[in-house]
Amino acid sequence: MISLSVHQFPVIPLCHPIRRYPFAFWQVTWPARTEAARAAQLLRDHYPAVFGRARLRRLGHPGIRQTRTIGGEYMLTVEDVLAGRRFPDAIARVAWPIELHDSSASYHWQPFPDGHFHRIPYRSLLSPELTNLLAIGRCIDAEPAALSSARVMGPCIAMGVAAAHAADLASIAQFSFRNTDLPHLQERLQRNLS
């Protein structure tokens, strides 16, 4: 039995200051670039046969795991995740725990018991305003703690597969994701849903 309150999760800001303030961006990235250069030099110095000619070409940009999401037709909630809720429009099955680590001072890992999983409803991918848009991965409509369970690789791949099949089926329905033949979509996704 999972004993977890929805109120135990911090609110994660949806507008990251790095994107709005270029100076703040460089304050964060410069130490990371320096550290990466030092790590590369360490590898070149200690393993010259393997890394002697290695050079850093491109470094990633700092960011946060959960940023902006769509306002979908349904918001996946922590209650849905914890209850293992089954949705009639499910398109993916998820067993990853709730995993929040939005700062170095805050970390929350809530594993599920064996056999526990929840599903992602198709409505969480659908925009209420646009008929030709599906959001997948960390962009679906979900509470931050619920999203922490759905934004990892396996569920993202499952949502991507569902979106690809939905696009194929939507082409039959005049490119409206809202009019996608849901039973047919779920039939195509059966391996992931059962």
Foldseek 3Di string as FASTA:
>chain_A
DDDDDLVVDDADAQADVVVVDVVVQCVVVVVVVVVVVVVLVVCCVPPVVVSVPPDDDDDDGDDFLAHAAAPFQDAAEPCQFQVQPDDPLFQAKFQAFQWDDRDPVDTDTGHDPPPRIHTDGQRQQHHPVDQQGGDAASHGHYRNRRSSRQRDDPNRVSVVVLVVVLQVQCVVVVRGSVPRPRVVSCVVRVVRPD
